[in-house]
N, C-alpha and C. Protein backbone atom coordinates (compact mmCIF):
# COMPACT_ATOMS: atom_id res chain seq x y z
N MET A 1 0.84 -1.17 -0.02
CA MET A 1 0.00 0.01 0.00
C MET A 1 0.89 1.22 0.00
N LEU A 2 0.56 2.19 -0.85
CA LEU A 2 1.31 3.40 -0.93
C LEU A 2 0.98 4.32 0.23
N PRO A 3 1.98 5.02 0.78
CA PRO A 3 1.69 5.96 1.85
C PRO A 3 0.95 7.16 1.29
N SER A 4 0.10 7.75 2.12
CA SER A 4 -0.65 8.98 1.71
C SER A 4 -0.29 10.12 2.60
N SER A 5 -0.29 11.29 2.01
CA SER A 5 0.05 12.47 2.81
C SER A 5 -1.22 12.96 3.54
N PRO A 6 -1.05 13.63 4.66
CA PRO A 6 -2.22 14.09 5.43
C PRO A 6 -3.11 15.01 4.57
N GLY A 7 -4.39 14.76 4.61
CA GLY A 7 -5.35 15.57 3.86
C GLY A 7 -5.52 15.20 2.43
N SER A 8 -4.79 14.16 1.97
CA SER A 8 -4.89 13.82 0.54
C SER A 8 -6.07 12.86 0.30
N ILE A 9 -6.57 12.18 1.30
CA ILE A 9 -7.70 11.29 1.13
C ILE A 9 -8.98 12.06 1.49
N LYS A 10 -9.87 12.15 0.48
CA LYS A 10 -11.08 12.93 0.64
C LYS A 10 -12.29 12.10 0.22
N THR A 11 -13.46 12.55 0.60
CA THR A 11 -14.70 11.91 0.17
C THR A 11 -14.83 12.10 -1.32
N PRO A 12 -15.13 11.03 -2.08
CA PRO A 12 -15.24 11.21 -3.53
C PRO A 12 -16.46 12.03 -3.88
N ASN A 13 -16.34 12.81 -5.00
CA ASN A 13 -17.46 13.59 -5.46
C ASN A 13 -17.96 13.13 -6.85
N SER A 14 -17.22 12.18 -7.46
CA SER A 14 -17.69 11.63 -8.74
C SER A 14 -17.16 10.19 -8.89
N TYR A 15 -17.86 9.40 -9.68
CA TYR A 15 -17.46 8.04 -9.98
C TYR A 15 -17.93 7.72 -11.38
N LEU A 16 -17.01 7.34 -12.26
CA LEU A 16 -17.30 7.03 -13.64
C LEU A 16 -18.07 8.14 -14.33
N GLY A 17 -17.76 9.38 -13.96
CA GLY A 17 -18.40 10.53 -14.60
C GLY A 17 -19.68 10.98 -13.95
N ALA A 18 -20.24 10.23 -13.05
CA ALA A 18 -21.49 10.61 -12.37
C ALA A 18 -21.16 11.28 -11.04
N ASN A 19 -21.98 12.25 -10.64
CA ASN A 19 -21.78 12.95 -9.38
C ASN A 19 -22.24 12.08 -8.22
N LEU A 20 -21.49 12.09 -7.13
CA LEU A 20 -21.83 11.34 -5.93
C LEU A 20 -22.22 12.27 -4.79
N TYR A 21 -23.21 11.86 -4.02
CA TYR A 21 -23.66 12.64 -2.86
C TYR A 21 -23.95 11.69 -1.72
N GLN A 22 -23.80 12.15 -0.52
CA GLN A 22 -24.20 11.39 0.67
C GLN A 22 -25.48 12.01 1.18
N ILE A 23 -26.46 11.17 1.50
CA ILE A 23 -27.70 11.63 2.10
C ILE A 23 -28.04 10.79 3.30
N ALA A 24 -28.73 11.37 4.25
CA ALA A 24 -29.16 10.65 5.44
C ALA A 24 -30.61 10.16 5.20
N THR A 25 -30.86 8.90 5.58
CA THR A 25 -32.17 8.30 5.38
C THR A 25 -32.52 7.40 6.52
N GLN A 26 -33.78 7.04 6.58
CA GLN A 26 -34.28 6.11 7.60
C GLN A 26 -34.86 4.92 6.89
N ASP A 27 -34.75 3.75 7.49
CA ASP A 27 -35.25 2.52 6.85
C ASP A 27 -36.75 2.35 6.99
N GLY A 28 -37.46 3.30 7.52
CA GLY A 28 -38.88 3.16 7.74
C GLY A 28 -39.20 2.66 9.15
N ILE A 29 -38.18 2.30 9.88
CA ILE A 29 -38.36 1.83 11.27
C ILE A 29 -37.96 2.97 12.18
N GLN A 30 -38.92 3.49 12.91
CA GLN A 30 -38.69 4.69 13.72
C GLN A 30 -37.64 4.49 14.81
N SER A 31 -37.46 3.26 15.28
CA SER A 31 -36.50 3.04 16.38
C SER A 31 -35.07 3.03 15.88
N ILE A 32 -34.87 2.90 14.57
CA ILE A 32 -33.52 2.87 14.05
C ILE A 32 -33.09 4.29 13.65
N SER A 33 -31.90 4.66 14.05
CA SER A 33 -31.43 6.01 13.75
C SER A 33 -31.13 6.17 12.26
N MET A 34 -30.94 7.42 11.87
CA MET A 34 -30.68 7.71 10.46
C MET A 34 -29.35 7.06 10.04
N LYS A 35 -29.26 6.71 8.78
CA LYS A 35 -27.99 6.20 8.26
C LYS A 35 -27.65 6.95 6.99
N VAL A 36 -26.38 7.02 6.69
CA VAL A 36 -25.89 7.78 5.52
C VAL A 36 -25.74 6.79 4.37
N ILE A 37 -26.29 7.15 3.22
CA ILE A 37 -26.14 6.34 2.02
C ILE A 37 -25.61 7.22 0.90
N TRP A 38 -25.15 6.59 -0.17
CA TRP A 38 -24.61 7.31 -1.32
C TRP A 38 -25.69 7.41 -2.39
N LYS A 39 -25.73 8.56 -3.04
CA LYS A 39 -26.64 8.80 -4.15
C LYS A 39 -25.81 9.17 -5.37
N MET A 40 -26.16 8.62 -6.52
CA MET A 40 -25.40 8.87 -7.73
C MET A 40 -26.32 9.54 -8.78
N LEU A 41 -25.91 10.69 -9.30
CA LEU A 41 -26.63 11.38 -10.35
C LEU A 41 -25.77 11.43 -11.62
N ALA A 42 -26.37 11.09 -12.76
CA ALA A 42 -25.65 11.06 -14.01
C ALA A 42 -25.87 12.29 -14.85
N THR A 43 -26.40 13.36 -14.28
CA THR A 43 -26.71 14.58 -15.05
C THR A 43 -25.49 15.13 -15.77
N GLU A 44 -24.40 15.33 -15.05
CA GLU A 44 -23.18 15.89 -15.64
C GLU A 44 -22.59 14.91 -16.66
N TYR A 45 -22.66 13.62 -16.37
CA TYR A 45 -22.16 12.62 -17.30
C TYR A 45 -22.92 12.70 -18.62
N MET A 46 -24.24 12.81 -18.53
CA MET A 46 -25.07 12.89 -19.74
C MET A 46 -24.78 14.17 -20.53
N LYS A 47 -24.64 15.31 -19.83
CA LYS A 47 -24.32 16.54 -20.52
C LYS A 47 -23.00 16.42 -21.26
N GLN A 48 -21.99 15.84 -20.62
CA GLN A 48 -20.67 15.67 -21.25
C GLN A 48 -20.74 14.71 -22.43
N ALA A 49 -21.49 13.61 -22.27
CA ALA A 49 -21.61 12.64 -23.35
C ALA A 49 -22.26 13.28 -24.60
N ILE A 50 -23.30 14.05 -24.37
CA ILE A 50 -24.02 14.71 -25.48
C ILE A 50 -23.10 15.74 -26.14
N GLN A 51 -22.39 16.51 -25.33
CA GLN A 51 -21.48 17.52 -25.86
C GLN A 51 -20.38 16.87 -26.72
N GLU A 52 -19.81 15.78 -26.24
CA GLU A 52 -18.76 15.09 -27.01
C GLU A 52 -19.33 14.52 -28.30
N ARG A 53 -20.53 13.97 -28.25
CA ARG A 53 -21.14 13.41 -29.45
C ARG A 53 -21.41 14.51 -30.46
N GLU A 54 -21.87 15.66 -30.02
CA GLU A 54 -22.11 16.79 -30.93
C GLU A 54 -20.80 17.24 -31.60
N CYS A 55 -19.71 17.25 -30.85
CA CYS A 55 -18.41 17.63 -31.42
C CYS A 55 -17.99 16.60 -32.49
N GLU A 56 -18.17 15.31 -32.21
CA GLU A 56 -17.84 14.27 -33.18
C GLU A 56 -18.65 14.45 -34.45
N LEU A 57 -19.94 14.75 -34.30
CA LEU A 57 -20.84 14.89 -35.45
C LEU A 57 -20.43 16.14 -36.26
N LEU A 58 -20.01 17.23 -35.58
CA LEU A 58 -19.59 18.43 -36.30
C LEU A 58 -18.43 18.14 -37.23
N LEU A 59 -17.53 17.24 -36.80
CA LEU A 59 -16.42 16.90 -37.66
C LEU A 59 -16.84 16.16 -38.91
N GLN A 60 -18.04 15.58 -38.86
CA GLN A 60 -18.61 14.84 -40.01
C GLN A 60 -19.67 15.65 -40.73
N ASP A 61 -19.79 16.94 -40.39
CA ASP A 61 -20.85 17.79 -40.96
C ASP A 61 -22.22 17.21 -40.72
N ALA A 62 -22.47 16.71 -39.52
CA ALA A 62 -23.76 16.14 -39.14
C ALA A 62 -24.19 16.75 -37.84
N PHE A 63 -25.38 16.40 -37.36
CA PHE A 63 -25.90 16.97 -36.12
C PHE A 63 -26.91 16.00 -35.50
N LEU A 64 -27.17 16.22 -34.22
CA LEU A 64 -28.17 15.45 -33.51
C LEU A 64 -29.57 15.96 -33.91
N PRO A 65 -30.58 15.10 -34.01
CA PRO A 65 -31.89 15.60 -34.37
C PRO A 65 -32.48 16.48 -33.26
N LYS A 66 -33.23 17.47 -33.65
CA LYS A 66 -33.86 18.38 -32.66
C LYS A 66 -35.07 17.74 -32.02
N GLN A 67 -35.82 16.94 -32.75
CA GLN A 67 -37.01 16.29 -32.21
C GLN A 67 -36.84 14.78 -32.41
N VAL A 68 -37.06 14.02 -31.40
CA VAL A 68 -36.98 12.58 -31.48
C VAL A 68 -38.25 11.96 -30.93
N GLU A 69 -38.53 10.76 -31.36
CA GLU A 69 -39.71 10.04 -30.90
C GLU A 69 -39.43 9.51 -29.51
N THR A 70 -40.19 9.95 -28.53
CA THR A 70 -39.97 9.51 -27.14
C THR A 70 -41.31 9.13 -26.52
N PRO A 71 -41.47 8.05 -25.94
CA PRO A 71 -40.54 6.89 -25.92
C PRO A 71 -40.48 6.22 -27.27
N PRO A 72 -39.54 5.28 -27.43
CA PRO A 72 -39.46 4.59 -28.71
C PRO A 72 -40.80 3.92 -29.08
N SER A 73 -40.99 3.75 -30.35
CA SER A 73 -42.26 3.15 -30.78
C SER A 73 -42.44 1.75 -30.19
N SER A 74 -43.64 1.28 -30.15
CA SER A 74 -43.94 -0.02 -29.54
C SER A 74 -43.32 -1.19 -30.31
N ASN A 75 -42.96 -0.95 -31.58
CA ASN A 75 -42.34 -2.04 -32.34
C ASN A 75 -40.79 -2.01 -32.27
N ASN A 76 -40.25 -1.18 -31.39
CA ASN A 76 -38.80 -1.11 -31.22
C ASN A 76 -38.33 -2.38 -30.51
N ARG A 77 -37.42 -3.13 -31.08
CA ARG A 77 -36.91 -4.36 -30.53
C ARG A 77 -35.38 -4.39 -30.55
N PRO A 78 -34.71 -3.70 -29.62
CA PRO A 78 -33.22 -3.64 -29.64
C PRO A 78 -32.59 -5.01 -29.51
N GLU A 79 -33.28 -5.95 -28.87
CA GLU A 79 -32.66 -7.28 -28.72
C GLU A 79 -32.57 -8.01 -30.07
N LEU A 80 -33.27 -7.52 -31.08
CA LEU A 80 -33.23 -8.13 -32.43
C LEU A 80 -32.23 -7.41 -33.35
N ASP A 81 -31.51 -6.43 -32.81
CA ASP A 81 -30.53 -5.68 -33.63
C ASP A 81 -29.28 -6.53 -33.77
N PHE A 82 -29.00 -6.94 -34.98
CA PHE A 82 -27.83 -7.77 -35.25
C PHE A 82 -26.82 -7.00 -36.09
N SER A 83 -26.59 -5.75 -35.75
CA SER A 83 -25.63 -4.93 -36.47
C SER A 83 -24.22 -5.50 -36.34
N TRP A 84 -23.41 -5.22 -37.36
CA TRP A 84 -22.00 -5.65 -37.28
C TRP A 84 -21.30 -4.92 -36.17
N GLU A 85 -20.32 -5.59 -35.54
CA GLU A 85 -19.54 -4.93 -34.50
C GLU A 85 -18.66 -3.85 -35.13
N LEU A 86 -18.43 -2.80 -34.40
CA LEU A 86 -17.56 -1.73 -34.86
C LEU A 86 -16.21 -1.85 -34.21
N ILE A 87 -15.21 -1.32 -34.85
CA ILE A 87 -13.86 -1.35 -34.27
C ILE A 87 -13.31 0.09 -34.19
N GLY A 88 -12.30 0.23 -33.36
CA GLY A 88 -11.57 1.48 -33.28
C GLY A 88 -12.40 2.66 -32.75
N SER A 89 -12.24 3.81 -33.36
CA SER A 89 -12.84 5.05 -32.85
C SER A 89 -14.36 5.02 -32.96
N ARG A 90 -14.93 4.21 -33.83
CA ARG A 90 -16.38 4.16 -33.99
C ARG A 90 -17.05 3.53 -32.79
N VAL A 91 -16.35 2.74 -32.00
CA VAL A 91 -16.95 2.13 -30.79
C VAL A 91 -17.40 3.24 -29.82
N LYS A 92 -16.57 4.26 -29.68
CA LYS A 92 -16.91 5.37 -28.79
C LYS A 92 -18.22 6.04 -29.23
N LEU A 93 -18.36 6.22 -30.52
CA LEU A 93 -19.58 6.87 -31.03
C LEU A 93 -20.82 6.02 -30.77
N VAL A 94 -20.71 4.70 -30.91
CA VAL A 94 -21.84 3.81 -30.65
C VAL A 94 -22.22 3.84 -29.21
N LEU A 95 -21.24 3.85 -28.30
CA LEU A 95 -21.53 3.90 -26.88
C LEU A 95 -22.33 5.14 -26.54
N TYR A 96 -21.98 6.31 -27.09
CA TYR A 96 -22.72 7.51 -26.82
C TYR A 96 -24.11 7.48 -27.43
N ASP A 97 -24.24 6.84 -28.55
CA ASP A 97 -25.54 6.73 -29.20
C ASP A 97 -26.54 5.94 -28.35
N ARG A 98 -26.03 5.04 -27.54
CA ARG A 98 -26.94 4.18 -26.75
C ARG A 98 -27.23 4.72 -25.37
N LEU A 99 -26.75 5.90 -25.07
CA LEU A 99 -27.02 6.50 -23.74
C LEU A 99 -28.48 6.93 -23.62
């Protein structure tokens, strides 16, 4: 284990791009005191993912659609998508498309 300097270990504020927060909660049993749990919000992660995707599209003279069908139509079947696997830099683009 590497030694750490005083004050260098802090409570984390993000994990995998998502913001982390600690909140106090009760289990619904009045006799049990409050306990601290972690809450994860992906708002900043989503903003960053969209911004990066828009930059990638600009390089290709393309853009994200302004209006999309939400929720997907009832005949949407992603489990039946047998698209070819992508390699290299295109993998990053596919990951953002599926967010």
